[in-house]
Amino acid sequence: MSGSIGALSMELISLLTFSEVTILRVWKHVMSFNVSHAAR
């Protein structure tokens, strides 16, 4: 029982980390796009 919960939490943590990295990447892309757009 506890083993399945541990595996589930690990999966959840990895999923959160992955989504966090993706969001950060998109955020940086959007910010750099806005900066280059405003500089024009």
N, C-alpha and C. Protein backbone atom coordinates (compact mmCIF):
# COMPACT_ATOMS: atom_id res chain seq x y z
N MET A 1 0.84 -1.21 0.00
CA MET A 1 0.00 0.00 0.00
C MET A 1 0.87 1.25 0.00
N SER A 2 1.79 1.32 0.98
CA SER A 2 2.65 2.50 1.07
C SER A 2 3.56 2.60 -0.15
N GLY A 3 3.92 1.44 -0.72
CA GLY A 3 4.78 1.44 -1.91
C GLY A 3 4.09 2.11 -3.09
N SER A 4 2.79 1.82 -3.27
CA SER A 4 2.06 2.41 -4.39
C SER A 4 1.92 3.92 -4.18
N ILE A 5 1.71 4.33 -2.93
CA ILE A 5 1.59 5.75 -2.62
C ILE A 5 2.91 6.46 -2.91
N GLY A 6 4.02 5.80 -2.55
CA GLY A 6 5.33 6.39 -2.81
C GLY A 6 5.59 6.54 -4.30
N ALA A 7 5.21 5.51 -5.06
CA ALA A 7 5.39 5.56 -6.52
C ALA A 7 4.51 6.65 -7.11
N LEU A 8 3.30 6.78 -6.59
CA LEU A 8 2.37 7.79 -7.09
C LEU A 8 2.90 9.19 -6.82
N SER A 9 3.41 9.41 -5.59
CA SER A 9 3.95 10.72 -5.24
C SER A 9 5.18 11.05 -6.08
N MET A 10 6.01 10.03 -6.35
CA MET A 10 7.19 10.25 -7.20
C MET A 10 6.76 10.65 -8.61
N GLU A 11 5.73 9.98 -9.13
CA GLU A 11 5.22 10.29 -10.45
C GLU A 11 4.67 11.72 -10.48
N LEU A 12 3.95 12.08 -9.42
CA LEU A 12 3.36 13.41 -9.32
C LEU A 12 4.45 14.47 -9.26
N ILE A 13 5.51 14.21 -8.47
CA ILE A 13 6.61 15.16 -8.34
C ILE A 13 7.32 15.34 -9.68
N SER A 14 7.58 14.23 -10.38
CA SER A 14 8.26 14.32 -11.68
C SER A 14 7.39 15.07 -12.68
N LEU A 15 6.08 14.84 -12.62
CA LEU A 15 5.15 15.52 -13.52
C LEU A 15 5.14 17.02 -13.23
N LEU A 16 5.11 17.38 -11.94
CA LEU A 16 5.12 18.79 -11.56
C LEU A 16 6.42 19.46 -12.00
N THR A 17 7.55 18.75 -11.80
CA THR A 17 8.84 19.30 -12.20
C THR A 17 8.88 19.52 -13.71
N PHE A 18 8.38 18.54 -14.46
CA PHE A 18 8.37 18.64 -15.92
C PHE A 18 7.52 19.82 -16.37
N SER A 19 6.32 19.95 -15.80
CA SER A 19 5.42 21.04 -16.19
C SER A 19 6.02 22.39 -15.78
N GLU A 20 6.71 22.42 -14.63
CA GLU A 20 7.34 23.66 -14.16
C GLU A 20 8.42 24.10 -15.14
N VAL A 21 9.24 23.14 -15.59
CA VAL A 21 10.31 23.45 -16.55
C VAL A 21 9.71 23.95 -17.86
N THR A 22 8.64 23.29 -18.30
CA THR A 22 7.98 23.69 -19.55
C THR A 22 7.41 25.09 -19.43
N ILE A 23 6.74 25.38 -18.31
CA ILE A 23 6.16 26.70 -18.09
C ILE A 23 7.25 27.76 -18.06
N LEU A 24 8.37 27.47 -17.38
CA LEU A 24 9.49 28.41 -17.32
C LEU A 24 10.04 28.68 -18.71
N ARG A 25 10.18 27.64 -19.52
CA ARG A 25 10.71 27.78 -20.88
C ARG A 25 9.78 28.65 -21.72
N VAL A 26 8.48 28.38 -21.63
CA VAL A 26 7.50 29.18 -22.39
C VAL A 26 7.51 30.62 -21.89
N TRP A 27 7.58 30.81 -20.57
CA TRP A 27 7.59 32.14 -19.98
C TRP A 27 8.79 32.94 -20.47
N LYS A 28 9.99 32.33 -20.48
CA LYS A 28 11.19 33.00 -20.97
C LYS A 28 11.03 33.36 -22.44
N HIS A 29 10.46 32.44 -23.22
CA HIS A 29 10.25 32.68 -24.65
C HIS A 29 9.31 33.87 -24.86
N VAL A 30 8.22 33.90 -24.09
CA VAL A 30 7.25 34.99 -24.21
C VAL A 30 7.88 36.31 -23.79
N MET A 31 8.63 36.30 -22.69
CA MET A 31 9.25 37.54 -22.20
C MET A 31 10.26 38.07 -23.20
N SER A 32 11.10 37.20 -23.76
CA SER A 32 12.09 37.64 -24.74
C SER A 32 11.39 38.17 -25.99
N PHE A 33 10.28 37.55 -26.36
CA PHE A 33 9.51 38.01 -27.52
C PHE A 33 8.95 39.40 -27.25
N ASN A 34 8.42 39.61 -26.04
CA ASN A 34 7.86 40.91 -25.67
C ASN A 34 8.95 41.98 -25.68
N VAL A 35 10.12 41.65 -25.16
CA VAL A 35 11.23 42.62 -25.10
C VAL A 35 11.66 43.00 -26.50
N SER A 36 11.84 42.01 -27.37
CA SER A 36 12.27 42.29 -28.74
C SER A 36 11.18 43.07 -29.48
N HIS A 37 9.93 42.81 -29.15
CA HIS A 37 8.82 43.49 -29.79
C HIS A 37 8.75 44.95 -29.33
N ALA A 38 9.01 45.17 -28.03
CA ALA A 38 8.96 46.53 -27.48
C ALA A 38 10.15 47.36 -27.95
N ALA A 39 11.29 46.70 -28.20
CA ALA A 39 12.50 47.42 -28.61
C ALA A 39 12.33 48.00 -30.02
N ARG A 40 11.47 47.40 -30.81
CA ARG A 40 11.29 47.86 -32.19
C ARG A 40 10.62 49.22 -32.27
